[in-house]
C-alpha cells in the first residue's frame, strides 16, 4: 500500500505563502509523489483567489495544483460523510461547525 498525505486548505495555503517553509520542507522529505489534495480543497483555494482578485495569487495556486495530484470525489462519498459526521456528533466529537 502506498502512503499518501492528503493536504488540506490550510496546509496548501501555507505552501503558497511560504514556499521555503516547514510545509515545503516536509513535502521535500516525503516526496512530491506522496502528497495529494482533494477537488474540494482545490475549489476552496480557487474561491479564495477569486475573492481576493489577485492574479499573482491565482497563478501561484494554479502552479501548485498542477504540481500535485488532485483527487476527485466519487459517490458515495457524500453518504459516507453524512454517516460518519452523524456518528461523531452523536459521540460528542463534531468535525465541523453546524450550519443548519
C-alpha atoms as a PDB file:
ATOM      1  CA  UNK A   1       0.000   0.000   0.000  1.00  0.00           C
ATOM      2  CA  UNK A   2       1.341   3.438  -0.957  1.00  0.00           C
ATOM      3  CA  UNK A   3       1.189   6.071   1.763  1.00  0.00           C
ATOM      4  CA  UNK A   4      -0.334   9.366   0.604  1.00  0.00           C
ATOM      5  CA  UNK A   5      -0.570  12.606   2.523  1.00  0.00           C
ATOM      6  CA  UNK A   6      -3.861  14.383   1.779  1.00  0.00           C
ATOM      7  CA  UNK A   7      -3.107  18.080   2.216  1.00  0.00           C
ATOM      8  CA  UNK A   8      -5.893  20.390   3.360  1.00  0.00           C
ATOM      9  CA  UNK A   9      -6.623  24.026   2.529  1.00  0.00           C
ATOM     10  CA  UNK A  10      -4.587  25.472   5.386  1.00  0.00           C
ATOM     11  CA  UNK A  11      -1.522  23.389   4.552  1.00  0.00           C
ATOM     12  CA  UNK A  12      -1.640  24.275   0.855  1.00  0.00           C
ATOM     13  CA  UNK A  13      -2.218  27.946   1.688  1.00  0.00           C
ATOM     14  CA  UNK A  14       0.902  27.853   3.835  1.00  0.00           C
ATOM     15  CA  UNK A  15       2.804  26.221   0.986  1.00  0.00           C
ATOM     16  CA  UNK A  16       1.749  29.049  -1.356  1.00  0.00           C
ATOM     17  CA  UNK A  17       2.676  31.753   1.184  1.00  0.00           C
ATOM     18  CA  UNK A  18       5.896  30.111   2.383  1.00  0.00           C
ATOM     19  CA  UNK A  19       7.438  28.131  -0.480  1.00  0.00           C
ATOM     20  CA  UNK A  20      10.592  27.585   1.594  1.00  0.00           C
ATOM     21  CA  UNK A  21       8.756  26.984   4.889  1.00  0.00           C
ATOM     22  CA  UNK A  22       8.068  23.976   7.079  1.00  0.00           C
ATOM     23  CA  UNK A  23       5.390  22.502   4.822  1.00  0.00           C
ATOM     24  CA  UNK A  24       7.625  22.763   1.753  1.00  0.00           C
ATOM     25  CA  UNK A  25      10.453  21.099   3.659  1.00  0.00           C
ATOM     26  CA  UNK A  26       8.180  18.254   4.739  1.00  0.00           C
ATOM     27  CA  UNK A  27       6.969  17.754   1.160  1.00  0.00           C
ATOM     28  CA  UNK A  28      10.599  17.500   0.062  1.00  0.00           C
ATOM     29  CA  UNK A  29      11.224  14.874   2.765  1.00  0.00           C
ATOM     30  CA  UNK A  30       8.251  12.652   1.848  1.00  0.00           C
ATOM     31  CA  UNK A  31       8.491  13.370  -1.880  1.00  0.00           C
ATOM     32  CA  UNK A  32       6.065  15.140  -4.163  1.00  0.00           C
ATOM     33  CA  UNK A  33       4.627  11.811  -5.313  1.00  0.00           C
ATOM     34  CA  UNK A  34       3.458  11.155  -1.743  1.00  0.00           C
ATOM     35  CA  UNK A  35       1.281  14.274  -1.454  1.00  0.00           C
ATOM     36  CA  UNK A  36      -2.141  14.986  -2.877  1.00  0.00           C
ATOM     37  CA  UNK A  37      -5.232  17.040  -2.186  1.00  0.00           C
ATOM     38  CA  UNK A  38      -8.930  16.777  -2.937  1.00  0.00           C
ATOM     39  CA  UNK A  39     -11.026  18.534  -5.527  1.00  0.00           C
ATOM     40  CA  UNK A  40     -12.834  20.237  -2.610  1.00  0.00           C
ATOM     41  CA  UNK A  41      -9.581  21.810  -1.398  1.00  0.00           C
ATOM     42  CA  UNK A  42      -8.730  22.884  -4.946  1.00  0.00           C
ATOM     43  CA  UNK A  43     -12.142  24.564  -5.168  1.00  0.00           C
ATOM     44  CA  UNK A  44     -11.619  26.327  -1.816  1.00  0.00           C
ATOM     45  CA  UNK A  45      -8.239  27.654  -2.951  1.00  0.00           C
ATOM     46  CA  UNK A  46      -9.657  28.900  -6.244  1.00  0.00           C
ATOM     47  CA  UNK A  47     -12.561  30.514  -4.389  1.00  0.00           C
ATOM     48  CA  UNK A  48     -10.089  32.348  -2.149  1.00  0.00           C
ATOM     49  CA  UNK A  49      -8.215  33.609  -5.200  1.00  0.00           C
ATOM     50  CA  UNK A  50     -11.421  34.808  -6.821  1.00  0.00           C
ATOM     51  CA  UNK A  51     -12.428  36.666  -3.643  1.00  0.00           C
ATOM     52  CA  UNK A  52      -9.051  38.380  -3.397  1.00  0.00           C
ATOM     53  CA  UNK A  53      -8.962  39.213  -7.082  1.00  0.00           C
ATOM     54  CA  UNK A  54      -5.199  38.670  -7.170  1.00  0.00           C
ATOM     55  CA  UNK A  55      -3.791  37.375 -10.439  1.00  0.00           C
ATOM     56  CA  UNK A  56      -0.420  36.731  -8.800  1.00  0.00           C
ATOM     57  CA  UNK A  57      -2.024  34.601  -6.081  1.00  0.00           C
ATOM     58  CA  UNK A  58      -4.178  32.755  -8.612  1.00  0.00           C
ATOM     59  CA  UNK A  59      -1.071  31.956 -10.674  1.00  0.00           C
ATOM     60  CA  UNK A  60       0.719  30.564  -7.607  1.00  0.00           C
ATOM     61  CA  UNK A  61      -2.282  28.421  -6.694  1.00  0.00           C
ATOM     62  CA  UNK A  62      -2.626  27.110 -10.245  1.00  0.00           C
ATOM     63  CA  UNK A  63       1.092  26.272 -10.340  1.00  0.00           C
ATOM     64  CA  UNK A  64       0.733  24.363  -7.078  1.00  0.00           C
ATOM     65  CA  UNK A  65      -2.374  22.481  -8.215  1.00  0.00           C
ATOM     66  CA  UNK A  66      -0.598  21.452 -11.422  1.00  0.00           C
ATOM     67  CA  UNK A  67       2.331  20.148  -9.361  1.00  0.00           C
ATOM     68  CA  UNK A  68       0.367  17.839  -7.042  1.00  0.00           C
ATOM     69  CA  UNK A  69      -2.271  15.202  -7.567  1.00  0.00           C
ATOM     70  CA  UNK A  70      -5.850  16.442  -7.098  1.00  0.00           C
ATOM     71  CA  UNK A  71      -8.142  13.564  -6.176  1.00  0.00           C
ATOM     72  CA  UNK A  72     -11.755  13.508  -7.341  1.00  0.00           C
ATOM     73  CA  UNK A  73     -14.651  12.876  -5.010  1.00  0.00           C
ATOM     74  CA  UNK A  74     -16.706   9.909  -6.156  1.00  0.00           C
ATOM     75  CA  UNK A  75     -20.087   8.762  -4.970  1.00  0.00           C
ATOM     76  CA  UNK A  76     -20.960   7.536  -2.362  1.00  0.00           C
ATOM     77  CA  UNK A  77     -18.523   9.846  -0.544  1.00  0.00           C
ATOM     78  CA  UNK A  78     -21.424  12.135   0.369  1.00  0.00           C
ATOM     79  CA  UNK A  79     -23.315   9.282   2.039  1.00  0.00           C
ATOM     80  CA  UNK A  80     -20.237   8.160   3.934  1.00  0.00           C
ATOM     81  CA  UNK A  81     -19.534  11.731   5.052  1.00  0.00           C
ATOM     82  CA  UNK A  82     -23.084  12.119   6.341  1.00  0.00           C
ATOM     83  CA  UNK A  83     -22.944   8.834   8.244  1.00  0.00           C
ATOM     84  CA  UNK A  84     -19.508   9.464   9.756  1.00  0.00           C
ATOM     85  CA  UNK A  85     -20.310  13.055  10.751  1.00  0.00           C
ATOM     86  CA  UNK A  86     -23.568  11.992  12.426  1.00  0.00           C
ATOM     87  CA  UNK A  87     -21.786   9.213  14.328  1.00  0.00           C
ATOM     88  CA  UNK A  88     -19.076  11.588  15.517  1.00  0.00           C
ATOM     89  CA  UNK A  89     -21.572  14.243  16.610  1.00  0.00           C
ATOM     90  CA  UNK A  90     -23.592  11.626  18.499  1.00  0.00           C
ATOM     91  CA  UNK A  91     -20.362  10.705  20.284  1.00  0.00           C
ATOM     92  CA  UNK A  92     -19.739  14.394  21.079  1.00  0.00           C
ATOM     93  CA  UNK A  93     -16.865  14.743  18.598  1.00  0.00           C
ATOM     94  CA  UNK A  94     -18.017  17.232  15.958  1.00  0.00           C
ATOM     95  CA  UNK A  95     -15.739  17.665  12.945  1.00  0.00           C
ATOM     96  CA  UNK A  96     -17.287  20.861  11.624  1.00  0.00           C
ATOM     97  CA  UNK A  97     -19.494  23.677  12.824  1.00  0.00           C
ATOM     98  CA  UNK A  98     -23.210  23.168  12.332  1.00  0.00           C
ATOM     99  CA  UNK A  99     -24.559  25.488   9.648  1.00  0.00           C
ATOM    100  CA  UNK A 100     -28.201  24.415   9.608  1.00  0.00           C
END
